[in-house]
Amino acid sequence: MLRFMDWSVVAMGCVLVLLSLASRWWERTEVRKGRSPDQGMRFFGAWLPLLVGLGLVGARMPSLLVAPHPVIMIADTLDGALWVTVLILVLRAARRGTRARSPRNGWAPPRP
């Protein structure tokens, strides 16, 4: 049962990677039609699923393929670095999103 659950995590990672590739393809077709892509949501639509999917696949695949212990340790280290990168990118995107909504340079709407 645990083996099935590990393979389901890998399958979910593969689905996320394919979803990311489909999102990038969809964005390119929209640009060809003359529509402007939403740059603020580009990270969440294309890059976040790709990075999370690669993280899920990279975390489980070496142990499922019965790789030697040093290979599993290297994969776990790379996976940890990927998750830290994802965390930093999400925090930067969230900060950028909140900064875009706040008034700039002390500007306030005129009082009636």
PDB file of N, CA and C in Angstrom:
ATOM      1  N   MET A   1       0.820  -1.192   0.000  1.00  0.00           N
ATOM      2  CA  MET A   1       0.000   0.000   0.000  1.00  0.00           C
ATOM      3  C   MET A   1       0.876   1.273   0.000  1.00  0.00           C
ATOM      4  N   LEU A   2       1.948   1.249   0.787  1.00  0.00           N
ATOM      5  CA  LEU A   2       2.821   2.412   0.816  1.00  0.00           C
ATOM      6  C   LEU A   2       3.507   2.627  -0.523  1.00  0.00           C
ATOM      7  N   ARG A   3       3.839   1.544  -1.206  1.00  0.00           N
ATOM      8  CA  ARG A   3       4.465   1.658  -2.523  1.00  0.00           C
ATOM      9  C   ARG A   3       3.516   2.343  -3.505  1.00  0.00           C
ATOM     10  N   PHE A   4       2.223   1.964  -3.422  1.00  0.00           N
ATOM     11  CA  PHE A   4       1.220   2.602  -4.281  1.00  0.00           C
ATOM     12  C   PHE A   4       1.114   4.091  -3.974  1.00  0.00           C
ATOM     13  N   MET A   5       1.171   4.452  -2.700  1.00  0.00           N
ATOM     14  CA  MET A   5       1.081   5.861  -2.323  1.00  0.00           C
ATOM     15  C   MET A   5       2.297   6.639  -2.828  1.00  0.00           C
ATOM     16  N   ASP A   6       3.477   6.012  -2.786  1.00  0.00           N
ATOM     17  CA  ASP A   6       4.665   6.688  -3.311  1.00  0.00           C
ATOM     18  C   ASP A   6       4.543   6.915  -4.813  1.00  0.00           C
ATOM     19  N   TRP A   7       4.055   5.916  -5.534  1.00  0.00           N
ATOM     20  CA  TRP A   7       3.884   6.078  -6.969  1.00  0.00           C
ATOM     21  C   TRP A   7       2.802   7.107  -7.287  1.00  0.00           C
ATOM     22  N   SER A   8       1.790   7.223  -6.422  1.00  0.00           N
ATOM     23  CA  SER A   8       0.763   8.233  -6.669  1.00  0.00           C
ATOM     24  C   SER A   8       1.324   9.645  -6.484  1.00  0.00           C
ATOM     25  N   VAL A   9       2.273   9.816  -5.553  1.00  0.00           N
ATOM     26  CA  VAL A   9       2.934  11.116  -5.393  1.00  0.00           C
ATOM     27  C   VAL A   9       3.752  11.438  -6.647  1.00  0.00           C
ATOM     28  N   VAL A  10       4.442  10.458  -7.193  1.00  0.00           N
ATOM     29  CA  VAL A  10       5.211  10.665  -8.418  1.00  0.00           C
ATOM     30  C   VAL A  10       4.271  11.004  -9.573  1.00  0.00           C
ATOM     31  N   ALA A  11       3.141  10.308  -9.650  1.00  0.00           N
ATOM     32  CA  ALA A  11       2.171  10.592 -10.718  1.00  0.00           C
ATOM     33  C   ALA A  11       1.613  12.005 -10.581  1.00  0.00           C
ATOM     34  N   MET A  12       1.348  12.437  -9.348  1.00  0.00           N
ATOM     35  CA  MET A  12       0.856  13.789  -9.144  1.00  0.00           C
ATOM     36  C   MET A  12       1.912  14.812  -9.551  1.00  0.00           C
ATOM     37  N   GLY A  13       3.178  14.529  -9.279  1.00  0.00           N
ATOM     38  CA  GLY A  13       4.252  15.420  -9.714  1.00  0.00           C
ATOM     39  C   GLY A  13       4.324  15.505 -11.226  1.00  0.00           C
ATOM     40  N   CYS A  14       4.162  14.363 -11.898  1.00  0.00           N
ATOM     41  CA  CYS A  14       4.176  14.365 -13.365  1.00  0.00           C
ATOM     42  C   CYS A  14       2.992  15.154 -13.921  1.00  0.00           C
ATOM     43  N   VAL A  15       1.828  15.041 -13.289  1.00  0.00           N
ATOM     44  CA  VAL A  15       0.656  15.801 -13.724  1.00  0.00           C
ATOM     45  C   VAL A  15       0.910  17.300 -13.561  1.00  0.00           C
ATOM     46  N   LEU A  16       1.539  17.691 -12.453  1.00  0.00           N
ATOM     47  CA  LEU A  16       1.847  19.111 -12.257  1.00  0.00           C
ATOM     48  C   LEU A  16       2.830  19.627 -13.301  1.00  0.00           C
ATOM     49  N   VAL A  17       3.824  18.826 -13.652  1.00  0.00           N
ATOM     50  CA  VAL A  17       4.773  19.234 -14.688  1.00  0.00           C
ATOM     51  C   VAL A  17       4.049  19.380 -16.029  1.00  0.00           C
ATOM     52  N   LEU A  18       3.188  18.443 -16.359  1.00  0.00           N
ATOM     53  CA  LEU A  18       2.425  18.540 -17.610  1.00  0.00           C
ATOM     54  C   LEU A  18       1.470  19.732 -17.587  1.00  0.00           C
ATOM     55  N   LEU A  19       0.872  20.010 -16.432  1.00  0.00           N
ATOM     56  CA  LEU A  19       0.002  21.171 -16.296  1.00  0.00           C
ATOM     57  C   LEU A  19       0.780  22.463 -16.523  1.00  0.00           C
ATOM     58  N   SER A  20       1.996  22.513 -16.029  1.00  0.00           N
ATOM     59  CA  SER A  20       2.839  23.685 -16.230  1.00  0.00           C
ATOM     60  C   SER A  20       3.173  23.867 -17.706  1.00  0.00           C
ATOM     61  N   LEU A  21       3.539  22.775 -18.359  1.00  0.00           N
ATOM     62  CA  LEU A  21       3.848  22.864 -19.788  1.00  0.00           C
ATOM     63  C   LEU A  21       2.625  23.280 -20.603  1.00  0.00           C
ATOM     64  N   ALA A  22       1.446  22.789 -20.228  1.00  0.00           N
ATOM     65  CA  ALA A  22       0.212  23.183 -20.914  1.00  0.00           C
ATOM     66  C   ALA A  22      -0.094  24.656 -20.676  1.00  0.00           C
ATOM     67  N   SER A  23       0.187  25.138 -19.486  1.00  0.00           N
ATOM     68  CA  SER A  23      -0.044  26.548 -19.184  1.00  0.00           C
ATOM     69  C   SER A  23       0.872  27.436 -20.020  1.00  0.00           C
ATOM     70  N   ARG A  24       2.132  27.030 -20.153  1.00  0.00           N
ATOM     71  CA  ARG A  24       3.067  27.804 -20.984  1.00  0.00           C
ATOM     72  C   ARG A  24       2.627  27.791 -22.454  1.00  0.00           C
ATOM     73  N   TRP A  25       2.158  26.635 -22.923  1.00  0.00           N
ATOM     74  CA  TRP A  25       1.686  26.530 -24.305  1.00  0.00           C
ATOM     75  C   TRP A  25       0.470  27.429 -24.511  1.00  0.00           C
ATOM     76  N   TRP A  26      -0.460  27.426 -23.545  1.00  0.00           N
ATOM     77  CA  TRP A  26      -1.666  28.248 -23.639  1.00  0.00           C
ATOM     78  C   TRP A  26      -1.300  29.733 -23.657  1.00  0.00           C
ATOM     79  N   GLU A  27      -0.327  30.111 -22.839  1.00  0.00           N
ATOM     80  CA  GLU A  27       0.113  31.499 -22.795  1.00  0.00           C
ATOM     81  C   GLU A  27       0.682  31.931 -24.141  1.00  0.00           C
ATOM     82  N   ARG A  28       1.441  31.062 -24.766  1.00  0.00           N
ATOM     83  CA  ARG A  28       2.014  31.398 -26.077  1.00  0.00           C
ATOM     84  C   ARG A  28       0.943  31.548 -27.147  1.00  0.00           C
ATOM     85  N   THR A  29      -0.095  30.707 -27.101  1.00  0.00           N
ATOM     86  CA  THR A  29      -1.170  30.849 -28.087  1.00  0.00           C
ATOM     87  C   THR A  29      -1.947  32.139 -27.856  1.00  0.00           C
ATOM     88  N   GLU A  30      -2.099  32.559 -26.610  1.00  0.00           N
ATOM     89  CA  GLU A  30      -2.790  33.816 -26.332  1.00  0.00           C
ATOM     90  C   GLU A  30      -1.978  35.012 -26.835  1.00  0.00           C
ATOM     91  N   VAL A  31      -0.664  34.947 -26.697  1.00  0.00           N
ATOM     92  CA  VAL A  31       0.189  36.034 -27.179  1.00  0.00           C
ATOM     93  C   VAL A  31       0.134  36.102 -28.702  1.00  0.00           C
ATOM     94  N   ARG A  32       0.091  34.946 -29.357  1.00  0.00           N
ATOM     95  CA  ARG A  32      -0.005  34.944 -30.828  1.00  0.00           C
ATOM     96  C   ARG A  32      -1.306  35.564 -31.304  1.00  0.00           C
ATOM     97  N   LYS A  33      -2.373  35.423 -30.495  1.00  0.00           N
ATOM     98  CA  LYS A  33      -3.661  36.009 -30.865  1.00  0.00           C
ATOM     99  C   LYS A  33      -3.706  37.503 -30.596  1.00  0.00           C
ATOM    100  N   GLY A  34      -2.665  38.028 -29.974  1.00  0.00           N
ATOM    101  CA  GLY A  34      -2.609  39.459 -29.727  1.00  0.00           C
ATOM    102  C   GLY A  34      -3.018  39.862 -28.329  1.00  0.00           C
ATOM    103  N   ARG A  35      -3.327  38.914 -27.464  1.00  0.00           N
ATOM    104  CA  ARG A  35      -3.704  39.244 -26.098  1.00  0.00           C
ATOM    105  C   ARG A  35      -2.465  39.318 -25.231  1.00  0.00           C
ATOM    106  N   SER A  36      -2.493  40.216 -24.290  1.00  0.00           N
ATOM    107  CA  SER A  36      -1.345  40.402 -23.403  1.00  0.00           C
ATOM    108  C   SER A  36      -1.445  39.437 -22.219  1.00  0.00           C
ATOM    109  N   PRO A  37      -0.376  38.683 -21.922  1.00  0.00           N
ATOM    110  CA  PRO A  37      -0.427  37.763 -20.789  1.00  0.00           C
ATOM    111  C   PRO A  37      -0.384  38.521 -19.464  1.00  0.00           C
ATOM    112  N   ASP A  38      -0.995  37.953 -18.447  1.00  0.00           N
ATOM    113  CA  ASP A  38      -0.981  38.543 -17.115  1.00  0.00           C
ATOM    114  C   ASP A  38       0.350  38.205 -16.460  1.00  0.00           C
ATOM    115  N   GLN A  39       1.239  39.177 -16.386  1.00  0.00           N
ATOM    116  CA  GLN A  39       2.580  38.926 -15.862  1.00  0.00           C
ATOM    117  C   GLN A  39       2.565  38.598 -14.377  1.00  0.00           C
ATOM    118  N   GLY A  40       1.591  39.108 -13.637  1.00  0.00           N
ATOM    119  CA  GLY A  40       1.532  38.842 -12.209  1.00  0.00           C
ATOM    120  C   GLY A  40       1.192  37.394 -11.899  1.00  0.00           C
ATOM    121  N   MET A  41       0.377  36.780 -12.734  1.00  0.00           N
ATOM    122  CA  MET A  41      -0.042  35.397 -12.487  1.00  0.00           C
ATOM    123  C   MET A  41       0.821  34.391 -13.231  1.00  0.00           C
ATOM    124  N   ARG A  42       1.793  34.867 -13.974  1.00  0.00           N
ATOM    125  CA  ARG A  42       2.627  33.961 -14.758  1.00  0.00           C
ATOM    126  C   ARG A  42       3.388  32.980 -13.869  1.00  0.00           C
ATOM    127  N   PHE A  43       3.899  33.454 -12.746  1.00  0.00           N
ATOM    128  CA  PHE A  43       4.627  32.575 -11.828  1.00  0.00           C
ATOM    129  C   PHE A  43       3.713  31.497 -11.290  1.00  0.00           C
ATOM    130  N   PHE A  44       2.518  31.866 -10.879  1.00  0.00           N
ATOM    131  CA  PHE A  44       1.608  30.895 -10.281  1.00  0.00           C
ATOM    132  C   PHE A  44       1.017  29.948 -11.309  1.00  0.00           C
ATOM    133  N   GLY A  45       0.923  30.374 -12.552  1.00  0.00           N
ATOM    134  CA  GLY A  45       0.339  29.524 -13.578  1.00  0.00           C
ATOM    135  C   GLY A  45       1.312  28.587 -14.260  1.00  0.00           C
ATOM    136  N   ALA A  46       2.572  28.994 -14.347  1.00  0.00           N
ATOM    137  CA  ALA A  46       3.529  28.191 -15.112  1.00  0.00           C
ATOM    138  C   ALA A  46       4.680  27.672 -14.263  1.00  0.00           C
ATOM    139  N   TRP A  47       5.311  28.544 -13.510  1.00  0.00           N
ATOM    140  CA  TRP A  47       6.525  28.136 -12.816  1.00  0.00           C
ATOM    141  C   TRP A  47       6.261  27.376 -11.529  1.00  0.00           C
ATOM    142  N   LEU A  48       5.272  27.775 -10.752  1.00  0.00           N
ATOM    143  CA  LEU A  48       5.016  27.098  -9.479  1.00  0.00           C
ATOM    144  C   LEU A  48       4.638  25.630  -9.660  1.00  0.00           C
ATOM    145  N   PRO A  49       3.706  25.282 -10.579  1.00  0.00           N
ATOM    146  CA  PRO A  49       3.429  23.852 -10.770  1.00  0.00           C
ATOM    147  C   PRO A  49       4.639  23.065 -11.266  1.00  0.00           C
ATOM    148  N   LEU A  50       5.459  23.692 -12.106  1.00  0.00           N
ATOM    149  CA  LEU A  50       6.658  23.015 -12.598  1.00  0.00           C
ATOM    150  C   LEU A  50       7.618  22.704 -11.456  1.00  0.00           C
ATOM    151  N   LEU A  51       7.902  23.684 -10.626  1.00  0.00           N
ATOM    152  CA  LEU A  51       8.851  23.477  -9.534  1.00  0.00           C
ATOM    153  C   LEU A  51       8.318  22.504  -8.482  1.00  0.00           C
ATOM    154  N   VAL A  52       7.031  22.605  -8.158  1.00  0.00           N
ATOM    155  CA  VAL A  52       6.453  21.681  -7.182  1.00  0.00           C
ATOM    156  C   VAL A  52       6.412  20.261  -7.746  1.00  0.00           C
ATOM    157  N   GLY A  53       6.064  20.129  -9.018  1.00  0.00           N
ATOM    158  CA  GLY A  53       6.051  18.806  -9.642  1.00  0.00           C
ATOM    159  C   GLY A  53       7.423  18.172  -9.679  1.00  0.00           C
ATOM    160  N   LEU A  54       8.431  18.964 -10.024  1.00  0.00           N
ATOM    161  CA  LEU A  54       9.798  18.436 -10.016  1.00  0.00           C
ATOM    162  C   LEU A  54      10.231  18.058  -8.599  1.00  0.00           C
ATOM    163  N   GLY A  55       9.790  18.833  -7.611  1.00  0.00           N
ATOM    164  CA  GLY A  55      10.101  18.505  -6.223  1.00  0.00           C
ATOM    165  C   GLY A  55       9.464  17.196  -5.785  1.00  0.00           C
ATOM    166  N   LEU A  56       8.221  16.972  -6.176  1.00  0.00           N
ATOM    167  CA  LEU A  56       7.550  15.728  -5.819  1.00  0.00           C
ATOM    168  C   LEU A  56       8.191  14.518  -6.493  1.00  0.00           C
ATOM    169  N   VAL A  57       8.507  14.668  -7.759  1.00  0.00           N
ATOM    170  CA  VAL A  57       9.139  13.557  -8.480  1.00  0.00           C
ATOM    171  C   VAL A  57      10.541  13.294  -7.938  1.00  0.00           C
ATOM    172  N   GLY A  58      11.287  14.353  -7.699  1.00  0.00           N
ATOM    173  CA  GLY A  58      12.651  14.197  -7.204  1.00  0.00           C
ATOM    174  C   GLY A  58      12.731  13.635  -5.803  1.00  0.00           C
ATOM    175  N   ALA A  59      11.687  13.837  -5.007  1.00  0.00           N
ATOM    176  CA  ALA A  59      11.705  13.335  -3.631  1.00  0.00           C
ATOM    177  C   ALA A  59      11.469  11.835  -3.564  1.00  0.00           C
ATOM    178  N   ARG A  60      10.644  11.305  -4.439  1.00  0.00           N
ATOM    179  CA  ARG A  60      10.249   9.895  -4.331  1.00  0.00           C
ATOM    180  C   ARG A  60      10.915   8.956  -5.331  1.00  0.00           C
ATOM    181  N   MET A  61      11.255   9.471  -6.491  1.00  0.00           N
ATOM    182  CA  MET A  61      11.729   8.597  -7.564  1.00  0.00           C
ATOM    183  C   MET A  61      13.003   7.812  -7.230  1.00  0.00           C
ATOM    184  N   PRO A  62      14.038   8.402  -6.629  1.00  0.00           N
ATOM    185  CA  PRO A  62      15.250   7.608  -6.364  1.00  0.00           C
ATOM    186  C   PRO A  62      14.998   6.430  -5.426  1.00  0.00           C
ATOM    187  N   SER A  63      14.191   6.623  -4.402  1.00  0.00           N
ATOM    188  CA  SER A  63      13.932   5.504  -3.486  1.00  0.00           C
ATOM    189  C   SER A  63      13.051   4.442  -4.136  1.00  0.00           C
ATOM    190  N   LEU A  64      12.158   4.860  -5.031  1.00  0.00           N
ATOM    191  CA  LEU A  64      11.316   3.875  -5.717  1.00  0.00           C
ATOM    192  C   LEU A  64      12.115   3.053  -6.725  1.00  0.00           C
ATOM    193  N   LEU A  65      13.152   3.637  -7.260  1.00  0.00           N
ATOM    194  CA  LEU A  65      13.990   2.911  -8.214  1.00  0.00           C
ATOM    195  C   LEU A  65      15.125   2.157  -7.532  1.00  0.00           C
ATOM    196  N   VAL A  66      15.113   2.112  -6.204  1.00  0.00           N
ATOM    197  CA  VAL A  66      16.093   1.406  -5.374  1.00  0.00           C
ATOM    198  C   VAL A  66      17.510   1.859  -5.735  1.00  0.00           C
ATOM    199  N   ALA A  67      17.693   3.159  -5.677  1.00  0.00           N
ATOM    200  CA  ALA A  67      19.005   3.743  -5.952  1.00  0.00           C
ATOM    201  C   ALA A  67      19.900   3.574  -4.731  1.00  0.00           C
ATOM    202  N   PRO A  68      21.205   3.623  -4.912  1.00  0.00           N
ATOM    203  CA  PRO A  68      22.114   3.547  -3.764  1.00  0.00           C
ATOM    204  C   PRO A  68      21.918   4.741  -2.817  1.00  0.00           C
ATOM    205  N   HIS A  69      22.329   4.550  -1.578  1.00  0.00           N
ATOM    206  CA  HIS A  69      22.119   5.564  -0.555  1.00  0.00           C
ATOM    207  C   HIS A  69      22.737   6.926  -0.908  1.00  0.00           C
ATOM    208  N   PRO A  70      23.952   7.006  -1.439  1.00  0.00           N
ATOM    209  CA  PRO A  70      24.486   8.338  -1.794  1.00  0.00           C
ATOM    210  C   PRO A  70      23.641   9.068  -2.849  1.00  0.00           C
ATOM    211  N   VAL A  71      23.076   8.328  -3.784  1.00  0.00           N
ATOM    212  CA  VAL A  71      22.223   8.947  -4.805  1.00  0.00           C
ATOM    213  C   VAL A  71      20.960   9.497  -4.163  1.00  0.00           C
ATOM    214  N   ILE A  72      20.387   8.755  -3.230  1.00  0.00           N
ATOM    215  CA  ILE A  72      19.179   9.210  -2.534  1.00  0.00           C
ATOM    216  C   ILE A  72      19.491  10.459  -1.714  1.00  0.00           C
ATOM    217  N   MET A  73      20.657  10.491  -1.063  1.00  0.00           N
ATOM    218  CA  MET A  73      21.038  11.660  -0.265  1.00  0.00           C
ATOM    219  C   MET A  73      21.247  12.887  -1.146  1.00  0.00           C
ATOM    220  N   ILE A  74      21.859  12.705  -2.305  1.00  0.00           N
ATOM    221  CA  ILE A  74      22.053  13.825  -3.231  1.00  0.00           C
ATOM    222  C   ILE A  74      20.705  14.329  -3.732  1.00  0.00           C
ATOM    223  N   ALA A  75      19.806  13.404  -4.077  1.00  0.00           N
ATOM    224  CA  ALA A  75      18.478  13.801  -4.549  1.00  0.00           C
ATOM    225  C   ALA A  75      17.704  14.531  -3.451  1.00  0.00           C
ATOM    226  N   ASP A  76      17.816  14.071  -2.210  1.00  0.00           N
ATOM    227  CA  ASP A  76      17.137  14.750  -1.103  1.00  0.00           C
ATOM    228  C   ASP A  76      17.701  16.149  -0.873  1.00  0.00           C
ATOM    229  N   THR A  77      19.004  16.306  -1.015  1.00  0.00           N
ATOM    230  CA  THR A  77      19.621  17.622  -0.856  1.00  0.00           C
ATOM    231  C   THR A  77      19.167  18.569  -1.955  1.00  0.00           C
ATOM    232  N   LEU A  78      19.159  18.094  -3.187  1.00  0.00           N
ATOM    233  CA  LEU A  78      18.691  18.930  -4.298  1.00  0.00           C
ATOM    234  C   LEU A  78      17.214  19.270  -4.139  1.00  0.00           C
ATOM    235  N   ASP A  79      16.439  18.306  -3.643  1.00  0.00           N
ATOM    236  CA  ASP A  79      15.018  18.541  -3.426  1.00  0.00           C
ATOM    237  C   ASP A  79      14.804  19.590  -2.338  1.00  0.00           C
ATOM    238  N   GLY A  80      15.593  19.530  -1.287  1.00  0.00           N
ATOM    239  CA  GLY A  80      15.491  20.544  -0.238  1.00  0.00           C
ATOM    240  C   GLY A  80      15.852  21.928  -0.748  1.00  0.00           C
ATOM    241  N   ALA A  81      16.879  22.008  -1.576  1.00  0.00           N
ATOM    242  CA  ALA A  81      17.258  23.297  -2.163  1.00  0.00           C
ATOM    243  C   ALA A  81      16.150  23.816  -3.090  1.00  0.00           C
ATOM    244  N   LEU A  82      15.505  22.909  -3.807  1.00  0.00           N
ATOM    245  CA  LEU A  82      14.402  23.310  -4.678  1.00  0.00           C
ATOM    246  C   LEU A  82      13.233  23.861  -3.864  1.00  0.00           C
ATOM    247  N   TRP A  83      12.924  23.239  -2.747  1.00  0.00           N
ATOM    248  CA  TRP A  83      11.812  23.716  -1.916  1.00  0.00           C
ATOM    249  C   TRP A  83      12.138  25.068  -1.283  1.00  0.00           C
ATOM    250  N   VAL A  84      13.384  25.285  -0.904  1.00  0.00           N
ATOM    251  CA  VAL A  84      13.769  26.599  -0.375  1.00  0.00           C
ATOM    252  C   VAL A  84      13.630  27.652  -1.474  1.00  0.00           C
ATOM    253  N   THR A  85      14.027  27.308  -2.688  1.00  0.00           N
ATOM    254  CA  THR A  85      13.878  28.223  -3.819  1.00  0.00           C
ATOM    255  C   THR A  85      12.418  28.546  -4.071  1.00  0.00           C
ATOM    256  N   VAL A  86      11.558  27.532  -4.026  1.00  0.00           N
ATOM    257  CA  VAL A  86      10.126  27.752  -4.229  1.00  0.00           C
ATOM    258  C   VAL A  86       9.580  28.672  -3.146  1.00  0.00           C
ATOM    259  N   LEU A  87       9.981  28.461  -1.899  1.00  0.00           N
ATOM    260  CA  LEU A  87       9.524  29.309  -0.803  1.00  0.00           C
ATOM    261  C   LEU A  87       9.945  30.759  -1.022  1.00  0.00           C
ATOM    262  N   ILE A  88      11.185  30.973  -1.413  1.00  0.00           N
ATOM    263  CA  ILE A  88      11.669  32.331  -1.659  1.00  0.00           C
ATOM    264  C   ILE A  88      10.913  32.976  -2.817  1.00  0.00           C
ATOM    265  N   LEU A  89      10.672  32.229  -3.884  1.00  0.00           N
ATOM    266  CA  LEU A  89       9.951  32.785  -5.030  1.00  0.00           C
ATOM    267  C   LEU A  89       8.503  33.118  -4.689  1.00  0.00           C
ATOM    268  N   VAL A  90       7.851  32.273  -3.884  1.00  0.00           N
ATOM    269  CA  VAL A  90       6.472  32.549  -3.479  1.00  0.00           C
ATOM    270  C   VAL A  90       6.421  33.790  -2.601  1.00  0.00           C
ATOM    271  N   LEU A  91       7.360  33.922  -1.679  1.00  0.00           N
ATOM    272  CA  LEU A  91       7.380  35.106  -0.818  1.00  0.00           C
ATOM    273  C   LEU A  91       7.629  36.373  -1.627  1.00  0.00           C
ATOM    274  N   ARG A  92       8.523  36.314  -2.613  1.00  0.00           N
ATOM    275  CA  ARG A  92       8.779  37.477  -3.461  1.00  0.00           C
ATOM    276  C   ARG A  92       7.551  37.842  -4.288  1.00  0.00           C
ATOM    277  N   ALA A  93       6.865  36.826  -4.823  1.00  0.00           N
ATOM    278  CA  ALA A  93       5.661  37.092  -5.622  1.00  0.00           C
ATOM    279  C   ALA A  93       4.555  37.673  -4.750  1.00  0.00           C
ATOM    280  N   ALA A  94       4.422  37.178  -3.528  1.00  0.00           N
ATOM    281  CA  ALA A  94       3.405  37.712  -2.631  1.00  0.00           C
ATOM    282  C   ALA A  94       3.727  39.150  -2.234  1.00  0.00           C
ATOM    283  N   ARG A  95       5.002  39.427  -1.987  1.00  0.00           N
ATOM    284  CA  ARG A  95       5.410  40.782  -1.631  1.00  0.00           C
ATOM    285  C   ARG A  95       5.158  41.739  -2.788  1.00  0.00           C
ATOM    286  N   ARG A  96       5.471  41.285  -3.985  1.00  0.00           N
ATOM    287  CA  ARG A  96       5.245  42.110  -5.166  1.00  0.00           C
ATOM    288  C   ARG A  96       3.756  42.366  -5.370  1.00  0.00           C
ATOM    289  N   GLY A  97       2.929  41.360  -5.081  1.00  0.00           N
ATOM    290  CA  GLY A  97       1.491  41.524  -5.234  1.00  0.00           C
ATOM    291  C   GLY A  97       0.902  42.481  -4.222  1.00  0.00           C
ATOM    292  N   THR A  98       1.380  42.433  -2.986  1.00  0.00           N
ATOM    293  CA  THR A  98       0.860  43.360  -1.987  1.00  0.00           C
ATOM    294  C   THR A  98       1.386  44.768  -2.217  1.00  0.00           C
ATOM    295  N   ARG A  99       2.593  44.889  -2.728  1.00  0.00           N
ATOM    296  CA  ARG A  99       3.154  46.208  -3.018  1.00  0.00           C
ATOM    297  C   ARG A  99       2.391  46.867  -4.161  1.00  0.00           C
ATOM    298  N   ALA A 100       1.939  46.084  -5.120  1.00  0.00           N
ATOM    299  CA  ALA A 100       1.215  46.646  -6.259  1.00  0.00           C
ATOM    300  C   ALA A 100      -0.150  47.173  -5.836  1.00  0.00           C
ATOM    301  N   ARG A 101      -0.723  46.633  -4.781  1.00  0.00           N
ATOM    302  CA  ARG A 101      -2.046  47.066  -4.337  1.00  0.00           C
ATOM    303  C   ARG A 101      -1.994  48.245  -3.381  1.00  0.00           C
ATOM    304  N   SER A 102      -0.861  48.492  -2.744  1.00  0.00           N
ATOM    305  CA  SER A 102      -0.771  49.568  -1.761  1.00  0.00           C
ATOM    306  C   SER A 102      -0.466  50.894  -2.449  1.00  0.00           C
ATOM    307  N   PRO A 103      -0.892  52.012  -1.832  1.00  0.00           N
ATOM    308  CA  PRO A 103      -0.565  53.320  -2.409  1.00  0.00           C
ATOM    309  C   PRO A 103       0.941  53.550  -2.395  1.00  0.00           C
ATOM    310  N   ARG A 104       1.443  54.250  -3.405  1.00  0.00           N
ATOM    311  CA  ARG A 104       2.883  54.460  -3.529  1.00  0.00           C
ATOM    312  C   ARG A 104       3.283  55.866  -3.089  1.00  0.00           C
ATOM    313  N   ASN A 105       4.451  55.975  -2.539  1.00  0.00           N
ATOM    314  CA  ASN A 105       5.079  57.246  -2.186  1.00  0.00           C
ATOM    315  C   ASN A 105       4.199  58.126  -1.299  1.00  0.00           C
ATOM    316  N   GLY A 106       3.458  57.504  -0.436  1.00  0.00           N
ATOM    317  CA  GLY A 106       2.645  58.283   0.491  1.00  0.00           C
ATOM    318  C   GLY A 106       1.446  58.922  -0.164  1.00  0.00           C
ATOM    319  N   TRP A 107       1.125  58.523  -1.372  1.00  0.00           N
ATOM    320  CA  TRP A 107      -0.030  59.105  -2.054  1.00  0.00           C
ATOM    321  C   TRP A 107      -1.295  58.652  -1.359  1.00  0.00           C
ATOM    322  N   ALA A 108      -2.190  59.559  -1.166  1.00  0.00           N
ATOM    323  CA  ALA A 108      -3.494  59.248  -0.562  1.00  0.00           C
ATOM    324  C   ALA A 108      -4.561  59.922  -1.413  1.00  0.00           C
ATOM    325  N   PRO A 109      -5.732  59.326  -1.475  1.00  0.00           N
ATOM    326  CA  PRO A 109      -6.794  59.954  -2.265  1.00  0.00           C
ATOM    327  C   PRO A 109      -7.204  61.292  -1.632  1.00  0.00           C
ATOM    328  N   PRO A 110      -7.642  62.235  -2.434  1.00  0.00           N
ATOM    329  CA  PRO A 110      -8.033  63.547  -1.884  1.00  0.00           C
ATOM    330  C   PRO A 110      -9.233  63.413  -0.963  1.00  0.00           C
ATOM    331  N   ARG A 111      -9.197  64.232   0.076  1.00  0.00           N
ATOM    332  CA  ARG A 111     -10.308  64.231   1.037  1.00  0.00           C
ATOM    333  C   ARG A 111     -11.411  65.126   0.519  1.00  0.00           C
ATOM    334  N   PRO A 112     -12.646  64.735   0.765  1.00  0.00           N
ATOM    335  CA  PRO A 112     -13.766  65.583   0.281  1.00  0.00           C
ATOM    336  C   PRO A 112     -13.950  66.833   1.098  1.00  0.00           C
TER     337      PRO A 112
END
